């Protein structure tokens, strides 16, 4: 896992009362985090995902996963590093939890 993935894992996902799988295989894809109960993938994207080749591959992959009924949320590393509480608030709301002002 990358530094930012570890931050999300240890400071948010491990504390949730639902199962979050990390580095999980779905068909030919390995996703950063998968929450089967919500049919939701969270991908943590480094700067390389801003390049057109990666954007195109990501778009194809996300479309395929959506066809299988799985939504993909992409979060840039920068957002985790600069707005961790905001990202936690967003993800907790998306998952149906109440925000509890998580601190790093």
PDB file of N, CA and C in Angstrom:
ATOM      1  N   UNK A   1       0.833  -1.185   0.000  1.00  0.00           N
ATOM      2  CA  UNK A   1       0.000   0.000   0.000  1.00  0.00           C
ATOM      3  C   UNK A   1       0.877   1.248   0.000  1.00  0.00           C
ATOM      4  N   UNK A   2       0.342   2.271  -0.616  1.00  0.00           N
ATOM      5  CA  UNK A   2       1.043   3.557  -0.599  1.00  0.00           C
ATOM      6  C   UNK A   2       0.829   4.221   0.759  1.00  0.00           C
ATOM      7  N   UNK A   3       1.567   5.289   1.000  1.00  0.00           N
ATOM      8  CA  UNK A   3       1.429   6.036   2.257  1.00  0.00           C
ATOM      9  C   UNK A   3      -0.022   6.489   2.457  1.00  0.00           C
ATOM     10  N   UNK A   4      -0.618   7.049   1.419  1.00  0.00           N
ATOM     11  CA  UNK A   4      -1.974   7.559   1.514  1.00  0.00           C
ATOM     12  C   UNK A   4      -3.000   6.433   1.721  1.00  0.00           C
ATOM     13  N   UNK A   5      -2.769   5.293   1.101  1.00  0.00           N
ATOM     14  CA  UNK A   5      -3.646   4.134   1.318  1.00  0.00           C
ATOM     15  C   UNK A   5      -3.546   3.665   2.762  1.00  0.00           C
ATOM     16  N   UNK A   6      -2.332   3.651   3.302  1.00  0.00           N
ATOM     17  CA  UNK A   6      -2.156   3.252   4.710  1.00  0.00           C
ATOM     18  C   UNK A   6      -2.884   4.216   5.646  1.00  0.00           C
ATOM     19  N   UNK A   7      -2.824   5.509   5.348  1.00  0.00           N
ATOM     20  CA  UNK A   7      -3.526   6.493   6.178  1.00  0.00           C
ATOM     21  C   UNK A   7      -5.023   6.185   6.191  1.00  0.00           C
ATOM     22  N   UNK A   8      -5.623   6.004   5.012  1.00  0.00           N
ATOM     23  CA  UNK A   8      -7.054   5.693   4.957  1.00  0.00           C
ATOM     24  C   UNK A   8      -7.365   4.380   5.670  1.00  0.00           C
ATOM     25  N   UNK A   9      -6.516   3.387   5.474  1.00  0.00           N
ATOM     26  CA  UNK A   9      -6.762   2.075   6.062  1.00  0.00           C
ATOM     27  C   UNK A   9      -6.732   2.137   7.592  1.00  0.00           C
ATOM     28  N   UNK A  10      -5.642   2.658   8.144  1.00  0.00           N
ATOM     29  CA  UNK A  10      -5.469   2.629   9.592  1.00  0.00           C
ATOM     30  C   UNK A  10      -6.272   3.703  10.317  1.00  0.00           C
ATOM     31  N   UNK A  11      -6.513   4.822   9.682  1.00  0.00           N
ATOM     32  CA  UNK A  11      -7.158   5.925  10.391  1.00  0.00           C
ATOM     33  C   UNK A  11      -8.643   6.072  10.066  1.00  0.00           C
ATOM     34  N   UNK A  12      -9.146   5.274   9.127  1.00  0.00           N
ATOM     35  CA  UNK A  12     -10.573   5.329   8.834  1.00  0.00           C
ATOM     36  C   UNK A  12     -11.168   3.933   8.668  1.00  0.00           C
ATOM     37  N   UNK A  13     -10.763   3.225   7.656  1.00  0.00           N
ATOM     38  CA  UNK A  13     -11.452   1.989   7.289  1.00  0.00           C
ATOM     39  C   UNK A  13     -11.403   0.904   8.368  1.00  0.00           C
ATOM     40  N   UNK A  14     -10.278   0.761   9.067  1.00  0.00           N
ATOM     41  CA  UNK A  14     -10.195  -0.273  10.110  1.00  0.00           C
ATOM     42  C   UNK A  14     -11.118   0.024  11.286  1.00  0.00           C
ATOM     43  N   UNK A  15     -11.566   1.279  11.417  1.00  0.00           N
ATOM     44  CA  UNK A  15     -12.414   1.683  12.534  1.00  0.00           C
ATOM     45  C   UNK A  15     -13.903   1.517  12.231  1.00  0.00           C
ATOM     46  N   UNK A  16     -14.235   1.218  10.993  1.00  0.00           N
ATOM     47  CA  UNK A  16     -15.639   1.136  10.597  1.00  0.00           C
ATOM     48  C   UNK A  16     -16.252  -0.208  10.997  1.00  0.00           C
ATOM     49  N   UNK A  17     -17.564  -0.216  11.262  1.00  0.00           N
ATOM     50  CA  UNK A  17     -18.228  -1.468  11.636  1.00  0.00           C
ATOM     51  C   UNK A  17     -18.683  -2.302  10.432  1.00  0.00           C
ATOM     52  N   UNK A  18     -18.088  -2.068   9.267  1.00  0.00           N
ATOM     53  CA  UNK A  18     -18.353  -2.882   8.084  1.00  0.00           C
ATOM     54  C   UNK A  18     -17.019  -3.394   7.556  1.00  0.00           C
ATOM     55  N   UNK A  19     -17.078  -4.416   6.734  1.00  0.00           N
ATOM     56  CA  UNK A  19     -15.863  -5.017   6.190  1.00  0.00           C
ATOM     57  C   UNK A  19     -15.367  -4.219   4.992  1.00  0.00           C
ATOM     58  N   UNK A  20     -14.124  -3.782   5.092  1.00  0.00           N
ATOM     59  CA  UNK A  20     -13.449  -3.107   3.984  1.00  0.00           C
ATOM     60  C   UNK A  20     -12.271  -3.995   3.604  1.00  0.00           C
ATOM     61  N   UNK A  21     -12.255  -4.438   2.367  1.00  0.00           N
ATOM     62  CA  UNK A  21     -11.166  -5.289   1.895  1.00  0.00           C
ATOM     63  C   UNK A  21     -10.156  -4.420   1.168  1.00  0.00           C
ATOM     64  N   UNK A  22      -8.886  -4.667   1.417  1.00  0.00           N
ATOM     65  CA  UNK A  22      -7.844  -3.881   0.751  1.00  0.00           C
ATOM     66  C   UNK A  22      -7.092  -4.746  -0.247  1.00  0.00           C
ATOM     67  N   UNK A  23      -6.632  -4.092  -1.320  1.00  0.00           N
ATOM     68  CA  UNK A  23      -5.918  -4.791  -2.388  1.00  0.00           C
ATOM     69  C   UNK A  23      -6.697  -6.044  -2.791  1.00  0.00           C
ATOM     70  N   UNK A  24      -7.945  -5.829  -3.155  1.00  0.00           N
ATOM     71  CA  UNK A  24      -8.883  -6.919  -3.414  1.00  0.00           C
ATOM     72  C   UNK A  24      -9.034  -7.157  -4.911  1.00  0.00           C
ATOM     73  N   UNK A  25      -9.075  -8.438  -5.289  1.00  0.00           N
ATOM     74  CA  UNK A  25      -9.205  -8.808  -6.700  1.00  0.00           C
ATOM     75  C   UNK A  25     -10.681  -8.954  -7.074  1.00  0.00           C
ATOM     76  N   UNK A  26     -11.043  -8.235  -8.140  1.00  0.00           N
ATOM     77  CA  UNK A  26     -12.365  -8.384  -8.748  1.00  0.00           C
ATOM     78  C   UNK A  26     -12.115  -8.673 -10.220  1.00  0.00           C
ATOM     79  N   UNK A  27     -12.384  -9.925 -10.610  1.00  0.00           N
ATOM     80  CA  UNK A  27     -12.073 -10.388 -11.970  1.00  0.00           C
ATOM     81  C   UNK A  27     -10.586 -10.124 -12.264  1.00  0.00           C
ATOM     82  N   UNK A  28     -10.295  -9.328 -13.289  1.00  0.00           N
ATOM     83  CA  UNK A  28      -8.904  -9.054 -13.670  1.00  0.00           C
ATOM     84  C   UNK A  28      -8.314  -7.826 -12.988  1.00  0.00           C
ATOM     85  N   UNK A  29      -9.069  -7.210 -12.108  1.00  0.00           N
ATOM     86  CA  UNK A  29      -8.639  -5.953 -11.490  1.00  0.00           C
ATOM     87  C   UNK A  29      -8.302  -6.153 -10.021  1.00  0.00           C
ATOM     88  N   UNK A  30      -7.301  -5.420  -9.557  1.00  0.00           N
ATOM     89  CA  UNK A  30      -7.015  -5.346  -8.134  1.00  0.00           C
ATOM     90  C   UNK A  30      -7.330  -3.913  -7.723  1.00  0.00           C
ATOM     91  N   UNK A  31      -8.242  -3.795  -6.760  1.00  0.00           N
ATOM     92  CA  UNK A  31      -8.685  -2.469  -6.337  1.00  0.00           C
ATOM     93  C   UNK A  31      -8.070  -2.137  -4.983  1.00  0.00           C
ATOM     94  N   UNK A  32      -7.926  -0.846  -4.715  1.00  0.00           N
ATOM     95  CA  UNK A  32      -7.325  -0.422  -3.452  1.00  0.00           C
ATOM     96  C   UNK A  32      -8.185  -0.852  -2.265  1.00  0.00           C
ATOM     97  N   UNK A  33      -9.468  -0.470  -2.284  1.00  0.00           N
ATOM     98  CA  UNK A  33     -10.391  -0.816  -1.201  1.00  0.00           C
ATOM     99  C   UNK A  33     -11.739  -1.202  -1.790  1.00  0.00           C
ATOM    100  N   UNK A  34     -12.335  -2.254  -1.235  1.00  0.00           N
ATOM    101  CA  UNK A  34     -13.635  -2.704  -1.713  1.00  0.00           C
ATOM    102  C   UNK A  34     -14.561  -2.943  -0.532  1.00  0.00           C
ATOM    103  N   UNK A  35     -15.757  -2.381  -0.634  1.00  0.00           N
ATOM    104  CA  UNK A  35     -16.778  -2.561   0.388  1.00  0.00           C
ATOM    105  C   UNK A  35     -17.947  -3.263  -0.300  1.00  0.00           C
ATOM    106  N   UNK A  36     -17.981  -4.586  -0.181  1.00  0.00           N
ATOM    107  CA  UNK A  36     -18.975  -5.399  -0.893  1.00  0.00           C
ATOM    108  C   UNK A  36     -20.395  -5.036  -0.472  1.00  0.00           C
ATOM    109  N   UNK A  37     -20.590  -4.775   0.801  1.00  0.00           N
ATOM    110  CA  UNK A  37     -21.914  -4.442   1.327  1.00  0.00           C
ATOM    111  C   UNK A  37     -22.522  -3.226   0.626  1.00  0.00           C
ATOM    112  N   UNK A  38     -21.675  -2.320   0.182  1.00  0.00           N
ATOM    113  CA  UNK A  38     -22.128  -1.097  -0.486  1.00  0.00           C
ATOM    114  C   UNK A  38     -21.866  -1.124  -1.991  1.00  0.00           C
ATOM    115  N   UNK A  39     -21.237  -2.229  -2.471  1.00  0.00           N
ATOM    116  CA  UNK A  39     -20.841  -2.324  -3.883  1.00  0.00           C
ATOM    117  C   UNK A  39     -20.066  -1.074  -4.289  1.00  0.00           C
ATOM    118  N   UNK A  40     -19.009  -0.803  -3.522  1.00  0.00           N
ATOM    119  CA  UNK A  40     -18.244   0.425  -3.675  1.00  0.00           C
ATOM    120  C   UNK A  40     -16.750   0.143  -3.620  1.00  0.00           C
ATOM    121  N   UNK A  41     -16.035   0.755  -4.549  1.00  0.00           N
ATOM    122  CA  UNK A  41     -14.574   0.703  -4.596  1.00  0.00           C
ATOM    123  C   UNK A  41     -14.056   2.100  -4.324  1.00  0.00           C
ATOM    124  N   UNK A  42     -12.994   2.190  -3.507  1.00  0.00           N
ATOM    125  CA  UNK A  42     -12.308   3.460  -3.314  1.00  0.00           C
ATOM    126  C   UNK A  42     -10.896   3.272  -3.841  1.00  0.00           C
ATOM    127  N   UNK A  43     -10.559   4.081  -4.835  1.00  0.00           N
ATOM    128  CA  UNK A  43      -9.223   4.066  -5.417  1.00  0.00           C
ATOM    129  C   UNK A  43      -8.485   5.325  -4.961  1.00  0.00           C
ATOM    130  N   UNK A  44      -7.261   5.155  -4.522  1.00  0.00           N
ATOM    131  CA  UNK A  44      -6.419   6.267  -4.113  1.00  0.00           C
ATOM    132  C   UNK A  44      -5.406   6.482  -5.227  1.00  0.00           C
ATOM    133  N   UNK A  45      -5.504   7.641  -5.875  1.00  0.00           N
ATOM    134  CA  UNK A  45      -4.739   7.890  -7.095  1.00  0.00           C
ATOM    135  C   UNK A  45      -3.557   8.830  -6.875  1.00  0.00           C
ATOM    136  N   UNK A  46      -2.398   8.372  -7.315  1.00  0.00           N
ATOM    137  CA  UNK A  46      -1.204   9.207  -7.334  1.00  0.00           C
ATOM    138  C   UNK A  46      -1.202  10.100  -8.570  1.00  0.00           C
ATOM    139  N   UNK A  47      -0.163  10.901  -8.704  1.00  0.00           N
ATOM    140  CA  UNK A  47      -0.064  11.864  -9.816  1.00  0.00           C
ATOM    141  C   UNK A  47      -0.100  11.210 -11.189  1.00  0.00           C
ATOM    142  N   UNK A  48       0.364   9.971 -11.291  1.00  0.00           N
ATOM    143  CA  UNK A  48       0.397   9.308 -12.595  1.00  0.00           C
ATOM    144  C   UNK A  48      -0.998   9.173 -13.191  1.00  0.00           C
ATOM    145  N   UNK A  49      -2.023   9.171 -12.338  1.00  0.00           N
ATOM    146  CA  UNK A  49      -3.400   9.032 -12.836  1.00  0.00           C
ATOM    147  C   UNK A  49      -3.904  10.307 -13.508  1.00  0.00           C
ATOM    148  N   UNK A  50      -3.118  11.364 -13.448  1.00  0.00           N
ATOM    149  CA  UNK A  50      -3.462  12.609 -14.154  1.00  0.00           C
ATOM    150  C   UNK A  50      -3.025  12.558 -15.618  1.00  0.00           C
ATOM    151  N   UNK A  51      -2.119  11.635 -15.942  1.00  0.00           N
ATOM    152  CA  UNK A  51      -1.629  11.511 -17.312  1.00  0.00           C
ATOM    153  C   UNK A  51      -2.702  10.854 -18.179  1.00  0.00           C
ATOM    154  N   UNK A  52      -2.756  11.245 -19.444  1.00  0.00           N
ATOM    155  CA  UNK A  52      -3.847  10.797 -20.315  1.00  0.00           C
ATOM    156  C   UNK A  52      -3.924   9.281 -20.457  1.00  0.00           C
ATOM    157  N   UNK A  53      -2.785   8.609 -20.535  1.00  0.00           N
ATOM    158  CA  UNK A  53      -2.811   7.146 -20.660  1.00  0.00           C
ATOM    159  C   UNK A  53      -3.513   6.512 -19.461  1.00  0.00           C
ATOM    160  N   UNK A  54      -3.158   6.952 -18.270  1.00  0.00           N
ATOM    161  CA  UNK A  54      -3.784   6.423 -17.058  1.00  0.00           C
ATOM    162  C   UNK A  54      -5.260   6.798 -16.996  1.00  0.00           C
ATOM    163  N   UNK A  55      -5.577   8.050 -17.360  1.00  0.00           N
ATOM    164  CA  UNK A  55      -6.978   8.483 -17.334  1.00  0.00           C
ATOM    165  C   UNK A  55      -7.836   7.589 -18.223  1.00  0.00           C
ATOM    166  N   UNK A  56      -7.317   7.268 -19.399  1.00  0.00           N
ATOM    167  CA  UNK A  56      -8.058   6.414 -20.327  1.00  0.00           C
ATOM    168  C   UNK A  56      -8.237   5.005 -19.760  1.00  0.00           C
ATOM    169  N   UNK A  57      -7.164   4.443 -19.212  1.00  0.00           N
ATOM    170  CA  UNK A  57      -7.255   3.105 -18.615  1.00  0.00           C
ATOM    171  C   UNK A  57      -8.216   3.096 -17.427  1.00  0.00           C
ATOM    172  N   UNK A  58      -8.131   4.141 -16.596  1.00  0.00           N
ATOM    173  CA  UNK A  58      -9.032   4.252 -15.446  1.00  0.00           C
ATOM    174  C   UNK A  58     -10.485   4.326 -15.894  1.00  0.00           C
ATOM    175  N   UNK A  59     -10.745   5.098 -16.943  1.00  0.00           N
ATOM    176  CA  UNK A  59     -12.113   5.266 -17.444  1.00  0.00           C
ATOM    177  C   UNK A  59     -12.679   3.932 -17.939  1.00  0.00           C
ATOM    178  N   UNK A  60     -11.876   3.176 -18.663  1.00  0.00           N
ATOM    179  CA  UNK A  60     -12.312   1.867 -19.162  1.00  0.00           C
ATOM    180  C   UNK A  60     -12.587   0.934 -17.989  1.00  0.00           C
ATOM    181  N   UNK A  61     -11.688   0.922 -17.044  1.00  0.00           N
ATOM    182  CA  UNK A  61     -11.826   0.062 -15.870  1.00  0.00           C
ATOM    183  C   UNK A  61     -13.064   0.443 -15.058  1.00  0.00           C
ATOM    184  N   UNK A  62     -13.243   1.736 -14.798  1.00  0.00           N
ATOM    185  CA  UNK A  62     -14.387   2.198 -14.008  1.00  0.00           C
ATOM    186  C   UNK A  62     -15.705   1.870 -14.700  1.00  0.00           C
ATOM    187  N   UNK A  63     -15.715   2.010 -16.015  1.00  0.00           N
ATOM    188  CA  UNK A  63     -16.933   1.702 -16.778  1.00  0.00           C
ATOM    189  C   UNK A  63     -17.278   0.219 -16.655  1.00  0.00           C
ATOM    190  N   UNK A  64     -16.269  -0.628 -16.773  1.00  0.00           N
ATOM    191  CA  UNK A  64     -16.486  -2.076 -16.670  1.00  0.00           C
ATOM    192  C   UNK A  64     -17.011  -2.441 -15.279  1.00  0.00           C
ATOM    193  N   UNK A  65     -16.408  -1.871 -14.244  1.00  0.00           N
ATOM    194  CA  UNK A  65     -16.852  -2.154 -12.884  1.00  0.00           C
ATOM    195  C   UNK A  65     -18.281  -1.664 -12.657  1.00  0.00           C
ATOM    196  N   UNK A  66     -18.612  -0.518 -13.225  1.00  0.00           N
ATOM    197  CA  UNK A  66     -19.968   0.013 -13.105  1.00  0.00           C
ATOM    198  C   UNK A  66     -20.975  -0.897 -13.810  1.00  0.00           C
ATOM    199  N   UNK A  67     -20.569  -1.488 -14.929  1.00  0.00           N
ATOM    200  CA  UNK A  67     -21.427  -2.455 -15.618  1.00  0.00           C
ATOM    201  C   UNK A  67     -21.734  -3.649 -14.723  1.00  0.00           C
ATOM    202  N   UNK A  68     -20.825  -3.970 -13.822  1.00  0.00           N
ATOM    203  CA  UNK A  68     -21.028  -5.064 -12.874  1.00  0.00           C
ATOM    204  C   UNK A  68     -21.777  -4.587 -11.626  1.00  0.00           C
ATOM    205  N   UNK A  69     -22.182  -3.307 -11.620  1.00  0.00           N
ATOM    206  CA  UNK A  69     -22.933  -2.768 -10.493  1.00  0.00           C
ATOM    207  C   UNK A  69     -22.091  -2.258  -9.350  1.00  0.00           C
ATOM    208  N   UNK A  70     -20.811  -2.005  -9.619  1.00  0.00           N
ATOM    209  CA  UNK A  70     -19.899  -1.538  -8.573  1.00  0.00           C
ATOM    210  C   UNK A  70     -19.455  -0.112  -8.900  1.00  0.00           C
ATOM    211  N   UNK A  71     -19.713   0.804  -7.973  1.00  0.00           N
ATOM    212  CA  UNK A  71     -19.316   2.195  -8.150  1.00  0.00           C
ATOM    213  C   UNK A  71     -17.859   2.385  -7.725  1.00  0.00           C
ATOM    214  N   UNK A  72     -17.156   3.272  -8.420  1.00  0.00           N
ATOM    215  CA  UNK A  72     -15.764   3.577  -8.101  1.00  0.00           C
ATOM    216  C   UNK A  72     -15.664   5.044  -7.695  1.00  0.00           C
ATOM    217  N   UNK A  73     -15.070   5.275  -6.539  1.00  0.00           N
ATOM    218  CA  UNK A  73     -14.749   6.625  -6.098  1.00  0.00           C
ATOM    219  C   UNK A  73     -13.241   6.766  -6.168  1.00  0.00           C
ATOM    220  N   UNK A  74     -12.777   7.804  -6.845  1.00  0.00           N
ATOM    221  CA  UNK A  74     -11.339   8.056  -6.966  1.00  0.00           C
ATOM    222  C   UNK A  74     -10.964   9.261  -6.110  1.00  0.00           C
ATOM    223  N   UNK A  75      -9.958   9.062  -5.272  1.00  0.00           N
ATOM    224  CA  UNK A  75      -9.501  10.120  -4.388  1.00  0.00           C
ATOM    225  C   UNK A  75      -8.017  10.362  -4.656  1.00  0.00           C
ATOM    226  N   UNK A  76      -7.655  11.573  -5.055  1.00  0.00           N
ATOM    227  CA  UNK A  76      -6.238  11.887  -5.277  1.00  0.00           C
ATOM    228  C   UNK A  76      -5.443  11.886  -3.963  1.00  0.00           C
ATOM    229  N   UNK A  77      -4.210  11.437  -4.027  1.00  0.00           N
ATOM    230  CA  UNK A  77      -3.321  11.481  -2.862  1.00  0.00           C
ATOM    231  C   UNK A  77      -3.319  12.869  -2.231  1.00  0.00           C
ATOM    232  N   UNK A  78      -3.270  13.884  -3.072  1.00  0.00           N
ATOM    233  CA  UNK A  78      -3.196  15.267  -2.601  1.00  0.00           C
ATOM    234  C   UNK A  78      -4.358  15.582  -1.655  1.00  0.00           C
ATOM    235  N   UNK A  79      -5.551  15.109  -1.975  1.00  0.00           N
ATOM    236  CA  UNK A  79      -6.711  15.375  -1.126  1.00  0.00           C
ATOM    237  C   UNK A  79      -6.590  14.695   0.228  1.00  0.00           C
ATOM    238  N   UNK A  80      -6.037  13.496   0.250  1.00  0.00           N
ATOM    239  CA  UNK A  80      -5.832  12.798   1.522  1.00  0.00           C
ATOM    240  C   UNK A  80      -4.820  13.546   2.369  1.00  0.00           C
ATOM    241  N   UNK A  81      -3.753  14.031   1.738  1.00  0.00           N
ATOM    242  CA  UNK A  81      -2.705  14.744   2.469  1.00  0.00           C
ATOM    243  C   UNK A  81      -3.124  16.134   2.924  1.00  0.00           C
ATOM    244  N   UNK A  82      -3.967  16.793   2.156  1.00  0.00           N
ATOM    245  CA  UNK A  82      -4.302  18.187   2.458  1.00  0.00           C
ATOM    246  C   UNK A  82      -5.687  18.376   3.074  1.00  0.00           C
ATOM    247  N   UNK A  83      -6.558  17.370   2.980  1.00  0.00           N
ATOM    248  CA  UNK A  83      -7.923  17.526   3.476  1.00  0.00           C
ATOM    249  C   UNK A  83      -8.449  16.196   4.015  1.00  0.00           C
ATOM    250  N   UNK A  84      -7.695  15.590   4.903  1.00  0.00           N
ATOM    251  CA  UNK A  84      -8.041  14.261   5.406  1.00  0.00           C
ATOM    252  C   UNK A  84      -9.420  14.240   6.062  1.00  0.00           C
ATOM    253  N   UNK A  85      -9.710  15.202   6.927  1.00  0.00           N
ATOM    254  CA  UNK A  85     -11.014  15.218   7.595  1.00  0.00           C
ATOM    255  C   UNK A  85     -12.145  15.391   6.598  1.00  0.00           C
ATOM    256  N   UNK A  86     -11.940  16.218   5.579  1.00  0.00           N
ATOM    257  CA  UNK A  86     -12.960  16.397   4.546  1.00  0.00           C
ATOM    258  C   UNK A  86     -13.208  15.111   3.776  1.00  0.00           C
ATOM    259  N   UNK A  87     -12.141  14.391   3.444  1.00  0.00           N
ATOM    260  CA  UNK A  87     -12.267  13.110   2.744  1.00  0.00           C
ATOM    261  C   UNK A  87     -12.996  12.106   3.628  1.00  0.00           C
ATOM    262  N   UNK A  88     -12.632  12.052   4.908  1.00  0.00           N
ATOM    263  CA  UNK A  88     -13.319  11.133   5.833  1.00  0.00           C
ATOM    264  C   UNK A  88     -14.796  11.478   5.912  1.00  0.00           C
ATOM    265  N   UNK A  89     -15.119  12.745   6.027  1.00  0.00           N
ATOM    266  CA  UNK A  89     -16.509  13.180   6.101  1.00  0.00           C
ATOM    267  C   UNK A  89     -17.267  12.732   4.859  1.00  0.00           C
ATOM    268  N   UNK A  90     -16.694  12.968   3.692  1.00  0.00           N
ATOM    269  CA  UNK A  90     -17.318  12.566   2.431  1.00  0.00           C
ATOM    270  C   UNK A  90     -17.554  11.057   2.381  1.00  0.00           C
ATOM    271  N   UNK A  91     -16.530  10.266   2.700  1.00  0.00           N
ATOM    272  CA  UNK A  91     -16.655   8.811   2.631  1.00  0.00           C
ATOM    273  C   UNK A  91     -17.649   8.280   3.666  1.00  0.00           C
ATOM    274  N   UNK A  92     -17.604   8.818   4.869  1.00  0.00           N
ATOM    275  CA  UNK A  92     -18.543   8.372   5.895  1.00  0.00           C
ATOM    276  C   UNK A  92     -19.986   8.667   5.494  1.00  0.00           C
ATOM    277  N   UNK A  93     -20.225   9.845   4.944  1.00  0.00           N
ATOM    278  CA  UNK A  93     -21.575  10.172   4.466  1.00  0.00           C
ATOM    279  C   UNK A  93     -21.982   9.221   3.350  1.00  0.00           C
ATOM    280  N   UNK A  94     -21.070   8.971   2.426  1.00  0.00           N
ATOM    281  CA  UNK A  94     -21.360   8.074   1.304  1.00  0.00           C
ATOM    282  C   UNK A  94     -21.692   6.668   1.777  1.00  0.00           C
ATOM    283  N   UNK A  95     -21.060   6.262   2.887  1.00  0.00           N
ATOM    284  CA  UNK A  95     -21.283   4.926   3.445  1.00  0.00           C
ATOM    285  C   UNK A  95     -22.450   4.893   4.432  1.00  0.00           C
ATOM    286  N   UNK A  96     -23.030   6.050   4.717  1.00  0.00           N
ATOM    287  CA  UNK A  96     -24.180   6.100   5.605  1.00  0.00           C
ATOM    288  C   UNK A  96     -23.846   6.212   7.075  1.00  0.00           C
ATOM    289  N   UNK A  97     -22.661   6.696   7.392  1.00  0.00           N
ATOM    290  CA  UNK A  97     -22.249   6.870   8.786  1.00  0.00           C
ATOM    291  C   UNK A  97     -22.240   8.347   9.139  1.00  0.00           C
ATOM    292  N   UNK A  98     -22.269   8.615  10.433  1.00  0.00           N
ATOM    293  CA  UNK A  98     -22.190   9.986  10.922  1.00  0.00           C
ATOM    294  C   UNK A  98     -20.720  10.332  11.116  1.00  0.00           C
ATOM    295  N   UNK A  99     -20.350  11.519  10.680  1.00  0.00           N
ATOM    296  CA  UNK A  99     -18.972  11.988  10.811  1.00  0.00           C
ATOM    297  C   UNK A  99     -18.629  12.204  12.274  1.00  0.00           C
ATOM    298  N   UNK A 100     -17.461  11.751  12.667  1.00  0.00           N
ATOM    299  CA  UNK A 100     -17.049  11.870  14.073  1.00  0.00           C
ATOM    300  C   UNK A 100     -15.721  12.596  14.213  1.00  0.00           C
ATOM    301  N   UNK A 101     -15.466  13.553  13.352  1.00  0.00           N
ATOM    302  CA  UNK A 101     -14.268  14.393  13.405  1.00  0.00           C
ATOM    303  C   UNK A 101     -13.006  13.597  13.703  1.00  0.00           C
ATOM    304  N   UNK A 102     -12.659  12.704  12.817  1.00  0.00           N
ATOM    305  CA  UNK A 102     -11.449  11.897  12.979  1.00  0.00           C
ATOM    306  C   UNK A 102     -10.226  12.784  12.910  1.00  0.00           C
ATOM    307  N   UNK A 103      -9.289  12.557  13.777  1.00  0.00           N
ATOM    308  CA  UNK A 103      -8.038  13.332  13.804  1.00  0.00           C
ATOM    309  C   UNK A 103      -6.886  12.433  13.438  1.00  0.00           C
ATOM    310  N   UNK A 104      -5.877  13.030  12.818  1.00  0.00           N
ATOM    311  CA  UNK A 104      -4.665  12.258  12.495  1.00  0.00           C
ATOM    312  C   UNK A 104      -3.615  12.565  13.516  1.00  0.00           C
TER     313      UNK A 104
END
